[in-house]
Amino acid sequence: ADYITSSLKAQGHAVDHCDNGKDGFLN
């Protein structure tokens, strides 16, 4: 997750991260 989010943010994208499916669905 850190690899993906930090790399995307380095490209200028806004990133939200969830570590479980339930929170992912709510987001």
mmCIF file of all heavy atoms, coordinates in Angstrom:
data_MODEL
# 
_entry.id   MODEL 
# 
loop_
_atom_site.group_PDB 
_atom_site.id 
_atom_site.type_symbol 
_atom_site.label_atom_id 
_atom_site.label_alt_id 
_atom_site.label_comp_id 
_atom_site.label_asym_id 
_atom_site.label_entity_id 
_atom_site.label_seq_id 
_atom_site.pdbx_PDB_ins_code 
_atom_site.Cartn_x 
_atom_site.Cartn_y 
_atom_site.Cartn_z 
_atom_site.occupancy 
_atom_site.B_iso_or_equiv 
_atom_site.pdbx_formal_charge 
_atom_site.auth_seq_id 
_atom_site.auth_comp_id 
_atom_site.auth_asym_id 
_atom_site.auth_atom_id 
_atom_site.pdbx_PDB_model_num 
ATOM 1   N N   . ALA A 1 1  ? 0.828   -1.201 0.000   1.00 0.00 ? 1  ALA A N   1 
ATOM 2   C CA  . ALA A 1 1  ? 0.000   0.000  0.000   1.00 0.00 ? 1  ALA A CA  1 
ATOM 3   C C   . ALA A 1 1  ? 0.866   1.257  0.000   1.00 0.00 ? 1  ALA A C   1 
ATOM 4   O O   . ALA A 1 1  ? 0.586   2.226  -0.730  1.00 0.00 ? 1  ALA A O   1 
ATOM 5   C CB  . ALA A 1 1  ? -0.924  -0.012 1.206   1.00 0.00 ? 1  ALA A CB  1 
ATOM 6   N N   . ASP A 1 2  ? 1.914   1.249  0.807   1.00 0.00 ? 2  ASP A N   1 
ATOM 7   C CA  . ASP A 1 2  ? 2.800   2.408  0.874   1.00 0.00 ? 2  ASP A CA  1 
ATOM 8   C C   . ASP A 1 2  ? 3.529   2.632  -0.443  1.00 0.00 ? 2  ASP A C   1 
ATOM 9   O O   . ASP A 1 2  ? 3.716   3.771  -0.885  1.00 0.00 ? 2  ASP A O   1 
ATOM 10  C CB  . ASP A 1 2  ? 3.807   2.222  2.011   1.00 0.00 ? 2  ASP A CB  1 
ATOM 11  C CG  . ASP A 1 2  ? 4.733   3.420  2.162   1.00 0.00 ? 2  ASP A CG  1 
ATOM 12  O OD1 . ASP A 1 2  ? 4.241   4.504  2.514   1.00 0.00 ? 2  ASP A OD1 1 
ATOM 13  O OD2 . ASP A 1 2  ? 5.957   3.273  1.912   1.00 0.00 ? 2  ASP A OD2 1 
ATOM 14  N N   . TYR A 1 3  ? 3.926   1.525  -1.076  1.00 0.00 ? 3  TYR A N   1 
ATOM 15  C CA  . TYR A 1 3  ? 4.609   1.590  -2.375  1.00 0.00 ? 3  TYR A CA  1 
ATOM 16  C C   . TYR A 1 3  ? 3.701   2.242  -3.417  1.00 0.00 ? 3  TYR A C   1 
ATOM 17  O O   . TYR A 1 3  ? 4.116   3.141  -4.168  1.00 0.00 ? 3  TYR A O   1 
ATOM 18  C CB  . TYR A 1 3  ? 5.000   0.177  -2.796  1.00 0.00 ? 3  TYR A CB  1 
ATOM 19  C CG  . TYR A 1 3  ? 5.524   0.030  -4.203  1.00 0.00 ? 3  TYR A CG  1 
ATOM 20  C CD1 . TYR A 1 3  ? 6.601   0.780  -4.659  1.00 0.00 ? 3  TYR A CD1 1 
ATOM 21  C CD2 . TYR A 1 3  ? 4.936   -0.886 -5.081  1.00 0.00 ? 3  TYR A CD2 1 
ATOM 22  C CE1 . TYR A 1 3  ? 7.085   0.625  -5.945  1.00 0.00 ? 3  TYR A CE1 1 
ATOM 23  C CE2 . TYR A 1 3  ? 5.407   -1.045 -6.367  1.00 0.00 ? 3  TYR A CE2 1 
ATOM 24  C CZ  . TYR A 1 3  ? 6.481   -0.288 -6.802  1.00 0.00 ? 3  TYR A CZ  1 
ATOM 25  O OH  . TYR A 1 3  ? 6.955   -0.446 -8.067  1.00 0.00 ? 3  TYR A OH  1 
ATOM 26  N N   . ILE A 1 4  ? 2.436   1.836  -3.445  1.00 0.00 ? 4  ILE A N   1 
ATOM 27  C CA  . ILE A 1 4  ? 1.503   2.365  -4.433  1.00 0.00 ? 4  ILE A CA  1 
ATOM 28  C C   . ILE A 1 4  ? 1.155   3.824  -4.131  1.00 0.00 ? 4  ILE A C   1 
ATOM 29  O O   . ILE A 1 4  ? 1.238   4.687  -5.008  1.00 0.00 ? 4  ILE A O   1 
ATOM 30  C CB  . ILE A 1 4  ? 0.209   1.520  -4.472  1.00 0.00 ? 4  ILE A CB  1 
ATOM 31  C CG1 . ILE A 1 4  ? 0.516   0.101  -4.955  1.00 0.00 ? 4  ILE A CG1 1 
ATOM 32  C CG2 . ILE A 1 4  ? -0.835  2.171  -5.380  1.00 0.00 ? 4  ILE A CG2 1 
ATOM 33  C CD1 . ILE A 1 4  ? -0.674  -0.843 -4.866  1.00 0.00 ? 4  ILE A CD1 1 
ATOM 34  N N   . THR A 1 5  ? 0.768   4.092  -2.895  1.00 0.00 ? 5  THR A N   1 
ATOM 35  C CA  . THR A 1 5  ? 0.300   5.443  -2.557  1.00 0.00 ? 5  THR A CA  1 
ATOM 36  C C   . THR A 1 5  ? 1.419   6.482  -2.662  1.00 0.00 ? 5  THR A C   1 
ATOM 37  O O   . THR A 1 5  ? 1.205   7.573  -3.190  1.00 0.00 ? 5  THR A O   1 
ATOM 38  C CB  . THR A 1 5  ? -0.311  5.474  -1.140  1.00 0.00 ? 5  THR A CB  1 
ATOM 39  O OG1 . THR A 1 5  ? 0.646   4.983  -0.198  1.00 0.00 ? 5  THR A OG1 1 
ATOM 40  C CG2 . THR A 1 5  ? -1.544  4.598  -1.062  1.00 0.00 ? 5  THR A CG2 1 
ATOM 41  N N   . SER A 1 6  ? 2.594   6.143  -2.171  1.00 0.00 ? 6  SER A N   1 
ATOM 42  C CA  . SER A 1 6  ? 3.701   7.119  -2.222  1.00 0.00 ? 6  SER A CA  1 
ATOM 43  C C   . SER A 1 6  ? 4.122   7.382  -3.666  1.00 0.00 ? 6  SER A C   1 
ATOM 44  O O   . SER A 1 6  ? 4.440   8.519  -4.030  1.00 0.00 ? 6  SER A O   1 
ATOM 45  C CB  . SER A 1 6  ? 4.891   6.623  -1.402  1.00 0.00 ? 6  SER A CB  1 
ATOM 46  O OG  . SER A 1 6  ? 5.384   5.389  -1.892  1.00 0.00 ? 6  SER A OG  1 
ATOM 47  N N   . SER A 1 7  ? 4.111   6.341  -4.490  1.00 0.00 ? 7  SER A N   1 
ATOM 48  C CA  . SER A 1 7  ? 4.499   6.511  -5.892  1.00 0.00 ? 7  SER A CA  1 
ATOM 49  C C   . SER A 1 7  ? 3.468   7.338  -6.650  1.00 0.00 ? 7  SER A C   1 
ATOM 50  O O   . SER A 1 7  ? 3.813   8.191  -7.476  1.00 0.00 ? 7  SER A O   1 
ATOM 51  C CB  . SER A 1 7  ? 4.668   5.146  -6.559  1.00 0.00 ? 7  SER A CB  1 
ATOM 52  O OG  . SER A 1 7  ? 5.689   4.398  -5.934  1.00 0.00 ? 7  SER A OG  1 
ATOM 53  N N   . LEU A 1 8  ? 2.179   7.094  -6.379  1.00 0.00 ? 8  LEU A N   1 
ATOM 54  C CA  . LEU A 1 8  ? 1.131   7.880  -7.031  1.00 0.00 ? 8  LEU A CA  1 
ATOM 55  C C   . LEU A 1 8  ? 1.174   9.334  -6.589  1.00 0.00 ? 8  LEU A C   1 
ATOM 56  O O   . LEU A 1 8  ? 1.009   10.255 -7.400  1.00 0.00 ? 8  LEU A O   1 
ATOM 57  C CB  . LEU A 1 8  ? -0.242  7.273  -6.728  1.00 0.00 ? 8  LEU A CB  1 
ATOM 58  C CG  . LEU A 1 8  ? -0.605  5.972  -7.455  1.00 0.00 ? 8  LEU A CG  1 
ATOM 59  C CD1 . LEU A 1 8  ? -1.905  5.390  -6.919  1.00 0.00 ? 8  LEU A CD1 1 
ATOM 60  C CD2 . LEU A 1 8  ? -0.730  6.218  -8.965  1.00 0.00 ? 8  LEU A CD2 1 
ATOM 61  N N   . LYS A 1 9  ? 1.380   9.549  -5.296  1.00 0.00 ? 9  LYS A N   1 
ATOM 62  C CA  . LYS A 1 9  ? 1.466   10.916 -4.789  1.00 0.00 ? 9  LYS A CA  1 
ATOM 63  C C   . LYS A 1 9  ? 2.666   11.649 -5.382  1.00 0.00 ? 9  LYS A C   1 
ATOM 64  O O   . LYS A 1 9  ? 2.591   12.852 -5.644  1.00 0.00 ? 9  LYS A O   1 
ATOM 65  C CB  . LYS A 1 9  ? 1.554   10.902 -3.269  1.00 0.00 ? 9  LYS A CB  1 
ATOM 66  C CG  . LYS A 1 9  ? 0.240   10.532 -2.589  1.00 0.00 ? 9  LYS A CG  1 
ATOM 67  C CD  . LYS A 1 9  ? 0.388   10.494 -1.075  1.00 0.00 ? 9  LYS A CD  1 
ATOM 68  C CE  . LYS A 1 9  ? -0.926  10.140 -0.393  1.00 0.00 ? 9  LYS A CE  1 
ATOM 69  N NZ  . LYS A 1 9  ? -0.793  10.074 1.087   1.00 0.00 ? 9  LYS A NZ  1 
ATOM 70  N N   . ALA A 1 10 ? 3.760   10.925 -5.612  1.00 0.00 ? 10 ALA A N   1 
ATOM 71  C CA  . ALA A 1 10 ? 4.943   11.534 -6.221  1.00 0.00 ? 10 ALA A CA  1 
ATOM 72  C C   . ALA A 1 10 ? 4.654   12.014 -7.644  1.00 0.00 ? 10 ALA A C   1 
ATOM 73  O O   . ALA A 1 10 ? 5.322   12.932 -8.141  1.00 0.00 ? 10 ALA A O   1 
ATOM 74  C CB  . ALA A 1 10 ? 6.106   10.541 -6.226  1.00 0.00 ? 10 ALA A CB  1 
ATOM 75  N N   . GLN A 1 11 ? 3.662   11.390 -8.279  1.00 0.00 ? 11 GLN A N   1 
ATOM 76  C CA  . GLN A 1 11 ? 3.259   11.805 -9.626  1.00 0.00 ? 11 GLN A CA  1 
ATOM 77  C C   . GLN A 1 11 ? 2.243   12.946 -9.589  1.00 0.00 ? 11 GLN A C   1 
ATOM 78  O O   . GLN A 1 11 ? 1.816   13.443 -10.628 1.00 0.00 ? 11 GLN A O   1 
ATOM 79  C CB  . GLN A 1 11 ? 2.654   10.623 -10.383 1.00 0.00 ? 11 GLN A CB  1 
ATOM 80  C CG  . GLN A 1 11 ? 3.650   9.547  -10.760 1.00 0.00 ? 11 GLN A CG  1 
ATOM 81  C CD  . GLN A 1 11 ? 3.017   8.452  -11.609 1.00 0.00 ? 11 GLN A CD  1 
ATOM 82  O OE1 . GLN A 1 11 ? 1.807   8.213  -11.538 1.00 0.00 ? 11 GLN A OE1 1 
ATOM 83  N NE2 . GLN A 1 11 ? 3.822   7.789  -12.414 1.00 0.00 ? 11 GLN A NE2 1 
ATOM 84  N N   . GLY A 1 12 ? 1.843   13.332 -8.379  1.00 0.00 ? 12 GLY A N   1 
ATOM 85  C CA  . GLY A 1 12 ? 0.910   14.449 -8.252  1.00 0.00 ? 12 GLY A CA  1 
ATOM 86  C C   . GLY A 1 12 ? -0.544  14.053 -8.078  1.00 0.00 ? 12 GLY A C   1 
ATOM 87  O O   . GLY A 1 12 ? -1.427  14.921 -8.120  1.00 0.00 ? 12 GLY A O   1 
ATOM 88  N N   . HIS A 1 13 ? -0.803  12.756 -7.883  1.00 0.00 ? 13 HIS A N   1 
ATOM 89  C CA  . HIS A 1 13 ? -2.185  12.305 -7.716  1.00 0.00 ? 13 HIS A CA  1 
ATOM 90  C C   . HIS A 1 13 ? -2.614  12.366 -6.251  1.00 0.00 ? 13 HIS A C   1 
ATOM 91  O O   . HIS A 1 13 ? -1.783  12.241 -5.341  1.00 0.00 ? 13 HIS A O   1 
ATOM 92  C CB  . HIS A 1 13 ? -2.348  10.874 -8.230  1.00 0.00 ? 13 HIS A CB  1 
ATOM 93  C CG  . HIS A 1 13 ? -1.892  10.683 -9.645  1.00 0.00 ? 13 HIS A CG  1 
ATOM 94  N ND1 . HIS A 1 13 ? -2.453  11.377 -10.694 1.00 0.00 ? 13 HIS A ND1 1 
ATOM 95  C CD2 . HIS A 1 13 ? -0.915  9.899  -10.186 1.00 0.00 ? 13 HIS A CD2 1 
ATOM 96  C CE1 . HIS A 1 13 ? -1.857  11.022 -11.824 1.00 0.00 ? 13 HIS A CE1 1 
ATOM 97  N NE2 . HIS A 1 13 ? -0.912  10.128 -11.535 1.00 0.00 ? 13 HIS A NE2 1 
ATOM 98  N N   . ALA A 1 14 ? -3.904  12.526 -6.034  1.00 0.00 ? 14 ALA A N   1 
ATOM 99  C CA  . ALA A 1 14 ? -4.466  12.472 -4.681  1.00 0.00 ? 14 ALA A CA  1 
ATOM 100 C C   . ALA A 1 14 ? -4.875  11.033 -4.401  1.00 0.00 ? 14 ALA A C   1 
ATOM 101 O O   . ALA A 1 14 ? -5.555  10.403 -5.217  1.00 0.00 ? 14 ALA A O   1 
ATOM 102 C CB  . ALA A 1 14 ? -5.674  13.396 -4.577  1.00 0.00 ? 14 ALA A CB  1 
ATOM 103 N N   . VAL A 1 15 ? -4.448  10.507 -3.255  1.00 0.00 ? 15 VAL A N   1 
ATOM 104 C CA  . VAL A 1 15 ? -4.667  9.079  -2.965  1.00 0.00 ? 15 VAL A CA  1 
ATOM 105 C C   . VAL A 1 15 ? -5.265  8.900  -1.577  1.00 0.00 ? 15 VAL A C   1 
ATOM 106 O O   . VAL A 1 15 ? -4.789  9.484  -0.597  1.00 0.00 ? 15 VAL A O   1 
ATOM 107 C CB  . VAL A 1 15 ? -3.352  8.276  -3.051  1.00 0.00 ? 15 VAL A CB  1 
ATOM 108 C CG1 . VAL A 1 15 ? -3.636  6.784  -2.884  1.00 0.00 ? 15 VAL A CG1 1 
ATOM 109 C CG2 . VAL A 1 15 ? -2.637  8.544  -4.368  1.00 0.00 ? 15 VAL A CG2 1 
ATOM 110 N N   . ASP A 1 16 ? -6.328  8.086  -1.499  1.00 0.00 ? 16 ASP A N   1 
ATOM 111 C CA  . ASP A 1 16 ? -6.879  7.642  -0.224  1.00 0.00 ? 16 ASP A CA  1 
ATOM 112 C C   . ASP A 1 16 ? -6.588  6.154  -0.084  1.00 0.00 ? 16 ASP A C   1 
ATOM 113 O O   . ASP A 1 16 ? -6.694  5.401  -1.065  1.00 0.00 ? 16 ASP A O   1 
ATOM 114 C CB  . ASP A 1 16 ? -8.391  7.869  -0.156  1.00 0.00 ? 16 ASP A CB  1 
ATOM 115 C CG  . ASP A 1 16 ? -8.750  9.344  -0.077  1.00 0.00 ? 16 ASP A CG  1 
ATOM 116 O OD1 . ASP A 1 16 ? -7.904  10.122 0.389   1.00 0.00 ? 16 ASP A OD1 1 
ATOM 117 O OD2 . ASP A 1 16 ? -9.865  9.704  -0.497  1.00 0.00 ? 16 ASP A OD2 1 
ATOM 118 N N   . HIS A 1 17 ? -6.251  5.735  1.136   1.00 0.00 ? 17 HIS A N   1 
ATOM 119 C CA  . HIS A 1 17 ? -5.927  4.324  1.354   1.00 0.00 ? 17 HIS A CA  1 
ATOM 120 C C   . HIS A 1 17 ? -6.802  3.739  2.442   1.00 0.00 ? 17 HIS A C   1 
ATOM 121 O O   . HIS A 1 17 ? -7.045  4.358  3.483   1.00 0.00 ? 17 HIS A O   1 
ATOM 122 C CB  . HIS A 1 17 ? -4.453  4.161  1.740   1.00 0.00 ? 17 HIS A CB  1 
ATOM 123 C CG  . HIS A 1 17 ? -4.140  2.784  2.244   1.00 0.00 ? 17 HIS A CG  1 
ATOM 124 N ND1 . HIS A 1 17 ? -3.710  2.550  3.547   1.00 0.00 ? 17 HIS A ND1 1 
ATOM 125 C CD2 . HIS A 1 17 ? -4.233  1.563  1.649   1.00 0.00 ? 17 HIS A CD2 1 
ATOM 126 C CE1 . HIS A 1 17 ? -3.537  1.243  3.699   1.00 0.00 ? 17 HIS A CE1 1 
ATOM 127 N NE2 . HIS A 1 17 ? -3.846  0.626  2.573   1.00 0.00 ? 17 HIS A NE2 1 
ATOM 128 N N   . CYS A 1 18 ? -7.293  2.513  2.214   1.00 0.00 ? 18 CYS A N   1 
ATOM 129 C CA  . CYS A 1 18 ? -8.019  1.738  3.221   1.00 0.00 ? 18 CYS A CA  1 
ATOM 130 C C   . CYS A 1 18 ? -7.374  0.364  3.312   1.00 0.00 ? 18 CYS A C   1 
ATOM 131 O O   . CYS A 1 18 ? -6.954  -0.200 2.291   1.00 0.00 ? 18 CYS A O   1 
ATOM 132 C CB  . CYS A 1 18 ? -9.490  1.584  2.837   1.00 0.00 ? 18 CYS A CB  1 
ATOM 133 S SG  . CYS A 1 18 ? -10.383 3.136  2.713   1.00 0.00 ? 18 CYS A SG  1 
ATOM 134 N N   . ASP A 1 19 ? -7.312  -0.195 4.522   1.00 0.00 ? 19 ASP A N   1 
ATOM 135 C CA  . ASP A 1 19 ? -6.656  -1.499 4.684   1.00 0.00 ? 19 ASP A CA  1 
ATOM 136 C C   . ASP A 1 19 ? -7.648  -2.648 4.836   1.00 0.00 ? 19 ASP A C   1 
ATOM 137 O O   . ASP A 1 19 ? -7.257  -3.758 5.188   1.00 0.00 ? 19 ASP A O   1 
ATOM 138 C CB  . ASP A 1 19 ? -5.685  -1.462 5.869   1.00 0.00 ? 19 ASP A CB  1 
ATOM 139 C CG  . ASP A 1 19 ? -6.401  -1.189 7.189   1.00 0.00 ? 19 ASP A CG  1 
ATOM 140 O OD1 . ASP A 1 19 ? -7.645  -1.078 7.208   1.00 0.00 ? 19 ASP A OD1 1 
ATOM 141 O OD2 . ASP A 1 19 ? -5.699  -1.076 8.214   1.00 0.00 ? 19 ASP A OD2 1 
ATOM 142 N N   . ASN A 1 20 ? -8.928  -2.373 4.570   1.00 0.00 ? 20 ASN A N   1 
ATOM 143 C CA  . ASN A 1 20 ? -9.920  -3.459 4.616   1.00 0.00 ? 20 ASN A CA  1 
ATOM 144 C C   . ASN A 1 20 ? -11.075 -3.137 3.660   1.00 0.00 ? 20 ASN A C   1 
ATOM 145 O O   . ASN A 1 20 ? -11.307 -1.968 3.306   1.00 0.00 ? 20 ASN A O   1 
ATOM 146 C CB  . ASN A 1 20 ? -10.432 -3.680 6.042   1.00 0.00 ? 20 ASN A CB  1 
ATOM 147 C CG  . ASN A 1 20 ? -11.225 -2.502 6.570   1.00 0.00 ? 20 ASN A CG  1 
ATOM 148 O OD1 . ASN A 1 20 ? -12.418 -2.362 6.289   1.00 0.00 ? 20 ASN A OD1 1 
ATOM 149 N ND2 . ASN A 1 20 ? -10.558 -1.631 7.331   1.00 0.00 ? 20 ASN A ND2 1 
ATOM 150 N N   . GLY A 1 21 ? -11.791 -4.171 3.268   1.00 0.00 ? 21 GLY A N   1 
ATOM 151 C CA  . GLY A 1 21 ? -12.840 -4.010 2.269   1.00 0.00 ? 21 GLY A CA  1 
ATOM 152 C C   . GLY A 1 21 ? -14.024 -3.183 2.733   1.00 0.00 ? 21 GLY A C   1 
ATOM 153 O O   . GLY A 1 21 ? -14.603 -2.430 1.939   1.00 0.00 ? 21 GLY A O   1 
ATOM 154 N N   . LYS A 1 22 ? -14.374 -3.286 4.003   1.00 0.00 ? 22 LYS A N   1 
ATOM 155 C CA  . LYS A 1 22 ? -15.529 -2.534 4.498   1.00 0.00 ? 22 LYS A CA  1 
ATOM 156 C C   . LYS A 1 22 ? -15.292 -1.035 4.441   1.00 0.00 ? 22 LYS A C   1 
ATOM 157 O O   . LYS A 1 22 ? -16.138 -0.271 3.950   1.00 0.00 ? 22 LYS A O   1 
ATOM 158 C CB  . LYS A 1 22 ? -15.856 -2.960 5.930   1.00 0.00 ? 22 LYS A CB  1 
ATOM 159 C CG  . LYS A 1 22 ? -17.129 -2.321 6.465   1.00 0.00 ? 22 LYS A CG  1 
ATOM 160 C CD  . LYS A 1 22 ? -17.485 -2.857 7.848   1.00 0.00 ? 22 LYS A CD  1 
ATOM 161 C CE  . LYS A 1 22 ? -18.772 -2.220 8.373   1.00 0.00 ? 22 LYS A CE  1 
ATOM 162 N NZ  . LYS A 1 22 ? -19.138 -2.710 9.715   1.00 0.00 ? 22 LYS A NZ  1 
ATOM 163 N N   . ASP A 1 23 ? -14.127 -0.596 4.915   1.00 0.00 ? 23 ASP A N   1 
ATOM 164 C CA  . ASP A 1 23 ? -13.799 0.832  4.852   1.00 0.00 ? 23 ASP A CA  1 
ATOM 165 C C   . ASP A 1 23 ? -13.641 1.291  3.402   1.00 0.00 ? 23 ASP A C   1 
ATOM 166 O O   . ASP A 1 23 ? -13.982 2.420  3.049   1.00 0.00 ? 23 ASP A O   1 
ATOM 167 C CB  . ASP A 1 23 ? -12.509 1.126  5.623   1.00 0.00 ? 23 ASP A CB  1 
ATOM 168 C CG  . ASP A 1 23 ? -12.725 1.055  7.134   1.00 0.00 ? 23 ASP A CG  1 
ATOM 169 O OD1 . ASP A 1 23 ? -13.896 1.051  7.566   1.00 0.00 ? 23 ASP A OD1 1 
ATOM 170 O OD2 . ASP A 1 23 ? -11.716 0.985  7.871   1.00 0.00 ? 23 ASP A OD2 1 
ATOM 171 N N   . GLY A 1 24 ? -13.113 0.379  2.567   1.00 0.00 ? 24 GLY A N   1 
ATOM 172 C CA  . GLY A 1 24 ? -12.986 0.698  1.142   1.00 0.00 ? 24 GLY A CA  1 
ATOM 173 C C   . GLY A 1 24 ? -14.348 0.962  0.512   1.00 0.00 ? 24 GLY A C   1 
ATOM 174 O O   . GLY A 1 24 ? -14.515 1.902  -0.268  1.00 0.00 ? 24 GLY A O   1 
ATOM 175 N N   . PHE A 1 25 ? -15.332 0.135  0.864   1.00 0.00 ? 25 PHE A N   1 
ATOM 176 C CA  . PHE A 1 25 ? -16.683 0.312  0.321   1.00 0.00 ? 25 PHE A CA  1 
ATOM 177 C C   . PHE A 1 25 ? -17.277 1.641  0.771   1.00 0.00 ? 25 PHE A C   1 
ATOM 178 O O   . PHE A 1 25 ? -17.870 2.380  -0.029  1.00 0.00 ? 25 PHE A O   1 
ATOM 179 C CB  . PHE A 1 25 ? -17.561 -0.851 0.766   1.00 0.00 ? 25 PHE A CB  1 
ATOM 180 C CG  . PHE A 1 25 ? -18.988 -0.751 0.296   1.00 0.00 ? 25 PHE A CG  1 
ATOM 181 C CD1 . PHE A 1 25 ? -19.304 -0.741 -1.053  1.00 0.00 ? 25 PHE A CD1 1 
ATOM 182 C CD2 . PHE A 1 25 ? -20.021 -0.663 1.214   1.00 0.00 ? 25 PHE A CD2 1 
ATOM 183 C CE1 . PHE A 1 25 ? -20.615 -0.644 -1.495  1.00 0.00 ? 25 PHE A CE1 1 
ATOM 184 C CE2 . PHE A 1 25 ? -21.345 -0.575 0.791   1.00 0.00 ? 25 PHE A CE2 1 
ATOM 185 C CZ  . PHE A 1 25 ? -21.635 -0.561 -0.565  1.00 0.00 ? 25 PHE A CZ  1 
ATOM 186 N N   . LEU A 1 26 ? -17.114 1.969  2.053   1.00 0.00 ? 26 LEU A N   1 
ATOM 187 C CA  . LEU A 1 26 ? -17.656 3.219  2.575   1.00 0.00 ? 26 LEU A CA  1 
ATOM 188 C C   . LEU A 1 26 ? -17.008 4.428  1.912   1.00 0.00 ? 26 LEU A C   1 
ATOM 189 O O   . LEU A 1 26 ? -17.673 5.420  1.604   1.00 0.00 ? 26 LEU A O   1 
ATOM 190 C CB  . LEU A 1 26 ? -17.468 3.280  4.091   1.00 0.00 ? 26 LEU A CB  1 
ATOM 191 C CG  . LEU A 1 26 ? -18.260 2.240  4.900   1.00 0.00 ? 26 LEU A CG  1 
ATOM 192 C CD1 . LEU A 1 26 ? -17.901 2.325  6.383   1.00 0.00 ? 26 LEU A CD1 1 
ATOM 193 C CD2 . LEU A 1 26 ? -19.762 2.420  4.703   1.00 0.00 ? 26 LEU A CD2 1 
ATOM 194 N N   . ASN A 1 27 ? -15.696 4.340  1.672   1.00 0.00 ? 27 ASN A N   1 
ATOM 195 C CA  . ASN A 1 27 ? -15.001 5.435  0.988   1.00 0.00 ? 27 ASN A CA  1 
ATOM 196 C C   . ASN A 1 27 ? -15.472 5.574  -0.453  1.00 0.00 ? 27 ASN A C   1 
ATOM 197 O O   . ASN A 1 27 ? -15.619 6.697  -0.954  1.00 0.00 ? 27 ASN A O   1 
ATOM 198 C CB  . ASN A 1 27 ? -13.487 5.216  1.021   1.00 0.00 ? 27 ASN A CB  1 
ATOM 199 C CG  . ASN A 1 27 ? -12.824 5.858  2.224   1.00 0.00 ? 27 ASN A CG  1 
ATOM 200 O OD1 . ASN A 1 27 ? -12.328 6.968  2.141   1.00 0.00 ? 27 ASN A OD1 1 
ATOM 201 N ND2 . ASN A 1 27 ? -12.849 5.162  3.342   1.00 0.00 ? 27 ASN A ND2 1 
# 
